[in-house]
Protein backbone atom coordinates (compact mmCIF):
# COMPACT_ATOMS: atom_id res chain seq x y z
CA MET A 1 98.07 140.98 244.89
CA ILE A 2 95.00 139.35 245.02
CA LYS A 3 94.93 135.39 245.85
CA GLN A 4 92.37 133.57 243.38
CA LEU A 5 90.30 130.94 245.22
CA PRO A 6 89.78 127.34 243.74
CA ILE A 7 86.61 127.39 241.16
CA SER A 8 84.19 124.52 241.30
CA LEU A 9 82.55 122.98 238.36
CA HIS A 10 79.81 121.99 240.96
CA GLY A 11 79.35 118.34 239.80
CA GLY A 12 79.17 118.96 235.92
CA ALA A 13 81.72 117.77 233.14
CA LYS A 14 84.47 120.46 231.91
CA GLU A 15 83.01 120.49 228.53
CA GLU A 16 79.63 121.91 230.04
CA LEU A 17 81.20 124.83 231.73
CA ARG A 18 79.46 128.20 230.65
CA THR A 19 80.77 131.53 230.78
CA GLN A 20 79.01 134.38 231.91
CA PHE A 21 79.76 138.03 232.34
CA ALA A 22 78.85 140.00 235.51
CA ALA A 23 78.84 143.51 236.75
CA LEU A 24 80.31 145.05 240.31
CA PRO A 25 78.17 148.22 239.85
CA TYR A 26 79.48 150.78 242.54
CA ARG A 27 79.82 154.25 243.69
CA VAL A 28 81.74 155.93 246.10
CA LYS A 29 80.07 158.04 248.63
CA GLU A 30 80.95 160.21 251.47
CA GLY A 31 84.42 158.53 251.02
CA LYS A 32 83.16 154.98 251.26
CA VAL A 33 82.95 152.44 248.47
CA GLN A 34 79.06 150.83 247.94
CA VAL A 35 78.42 148.07 245.85
CA LEU A 36 74.51 147.59 244.65
CA LEU A 37 73.27 143.76 244.70
CA ILE A 38 70.37 142.68 243.34
CA THR A 39 67.87 139.71 244.05
CA SER A 40 67.05 136.93 241.73
CA ARG A 41 64.37 136.34 239.99
CA GLY A 42 63.86 132.80 241.17
CA THR A 43 65.20 132.24 244.73
CA GLY A 44 65.33 135.88 245.93
CA ARG A 45 69.35 135.78 247.22
CA TRP A 46 71.49 138.15 246.42
CA ILE A 47 73.53 138.43 243.44
CA VAL A 48 75.66 140.86 240.94
CA PRO A 49 74.34 141.49 237.91
CA LYS A 50 75.34 139.02 235.21
CA GLY A 51 74.64 137.13 232.03
CA TRP A 52 75.71 135.25 228.48
CA PRO A 53 78.03 136.67 226.11
CA MET A 54 76.58 139.16 223.50
CA GLU A 55 77.16 139.29 219.59
CA GLY A 56 79.32 141.92 219.22
CA LYS A 57 79.83 143.24 222.67
CA THR A 58 83.04 142.96 224.59
CA PRO A 59 82.96 141.23 227.64
CA ALA A 60 82.77 144.51 229.79
CA GLN A 61 80.18 145.86 227.38
CA SER A 62 77.91 142.44 227.95
CA ALA A 63 78.16 142.86 232.19
CA LEU A 64 77.05 147.01 231.67
CA GLN A 65 74.33 146.08 229.63
CA GLU A 66 73.10 143.10 232.38
CA ALA A 67 73.82 145.80 234.52
CA TRP A 68 71.57 148.12 232.96
CA GLU A 69 68.69 145.05 232.12
CA GLU A 70 68.66 143.63 235.62
CA ALA A 71 69.34 146.58 237.86
CA GLY A 72 68.49 149.66 235.85
CA VAL A 73 72.54 151.13 236.39
CA LYS A 74 73.87 153.74 233.97
CA GLY A 75 77.43 153.88 234.07
CA LYS A 76 81.00 153.21 232.91
CA ALA A 77 82.50 149.44 232.91
CA THR A 78 86.06 149.21 233.30
CA SER A 79 87.86 146.75 230.62
CA ALA A 80 89.96 144.79 233.15
CA CYS A 81 88.37 141.64 234.93
CA LEU A 82 88.20 142.00 238.48
CA GLY A 83 88.36 138.17 238.75
CA VAL A 84 86.33 134.90 238.19
CA TYR A 85 83.71 132.89 240.37
CA SER A 86 82.05 130.12 239.69
CA PHE A 87 78.32 129.12 240.23
CA THR A 88 75.59 126.78 239.51
CA LYS A 89 72.69 128.12 237.18
CA ASP A 90 69.19 126.77 237.84
CA MET A 91 68.42 126.33 233.91
CA GLY A 92 64.68 124.72 235.24
CA ASP A 93 63.18 121.86 235.26
CA GLU A 94 65.89 120.40 237.62
CA ASP A 95 68.98 120.84 235.25
CA GLU A 96 71.74 122.97 236.62
CA LEU A 97 74.78 123.98 234.52
CA PRO A 98 77.98 124.98 235.98
CA CYS A 99 79.49 128.36 235.06
CA LEU A 100 81.99 130.74 235.13
CA ALA A 101 81.27 134.49 235.54
CA MET A 102 83.76 136.88 234.64
CA LEU A 103 83.40 140.14 237.02
CA TYR A 104 83.69 143.77 235.71
CA PRO A 105 83.70 146.81 238.03
CA VAL A 106 80.57 149.20 236.54
CA ARG A 107 81.02 153.06 237.60
CA VAL A 108 77.53 153.92 238.60
CA LYS A 109 76.44 157.14 237.79
CA SER A 110 72.84 156.99 238.22
CA LEU A 111 69.87 154.33 238.38
CA SER A 112 66.72 154.53 236.34
CA LYS A 113 63.47 153.75 237.79
CA ARG A 114 62.43 152.34 234.45
CA TYR A 115 64.53 149.40 233.27
CA PRO A 116 63.45 146.16 231.78
CA GLU A 117 63.83 143.88 234.62
CA ARG A 118 62.07 146.31 237.41
CA GLY A 119 59.29 144.83 239.01
CA GLN A 120 61.30 141.21 239.16
CA ARG A 121 63.96 142.39 241.44
CA ARG A 122 64.87 144.09 244.29
CA ARG A 123 68.00 146.50 244.39
CA VAL A 124 70.16 147.88 247.37
CA TRP A 125 72.96 149.60 247.95
CA MET A 126 75.14 148.06 250.58
CA SER A 127 78.92 147.90 251.99
CA ARG A 128 81.70 145.77 250.71
CA LYS A 129 81.36 143.94 253.74
CA LYS A 130 77.72 143.42 253.64
CA ALA A 131 77.48 142.91 250.17
CA ALA A 132 80.46 140.18 250.82
CA GLY A 133 78.69 138.51 253.67
CA ARG A 134 75.02 138.31 251.52
CA VAL A 135 76.12 136.42 248.26
CA ALA A 136 76.41 132.66 248.35
CA GLU A 137 79.34 132.39 246.34
CA PRO A 138 83.11 132.08 248.06
CA GLU A 139 84.80 133.52 245.37
CA LEU A 140 82.25 136.38 244.79
CA ALA A 141 82.42 137.34 248.44
CA ARG A 142 86.20 137.68 248.54
CA LEU A 143 86.36 139.67 245.18
CA ILE A 144 83.47 142.04 246.42
CA SER A 145 85.61 142.42 249.78
CA ASP A 146 88.91 143.21 248.11
CA PHE A 147 87.05 145.47 245.23
CA ASP A 148 88.61 149.04 246.36
CA PRO A 149 88.50 151.74 243.27
CA ARG A 150 89.84 154.34 244.66
């Protein structure tokens, strides 16, 4: 059983907390699990695709849609949430919003060369260990390093 780390509201009030749905795109290559990280548009830090809830979509479907828009992922999302992690969303004008992201695994079938946010982000396959070391959020790092779909 995976131990959930405590979340942080990053200084915000609990009524200000917002929820996003995140994708953990992965593949198994030569028996090894690899995850796909992307860069954020603003700071270029390593993240997973994520976004706001979408009308008429389940959380897993929303995560899959974000994986397509932000990374060109074509694949299948699992409806079981891996866990949650907290982060602060930069809203511009020095405003920050505390967020909680629910993480859904997405098995990648292929990556498209043409997708909505191409040219705005980088995407790189890496081991779970390397990916866990690249993301800033400790809870996300733990979820990535503990993830094993095999």
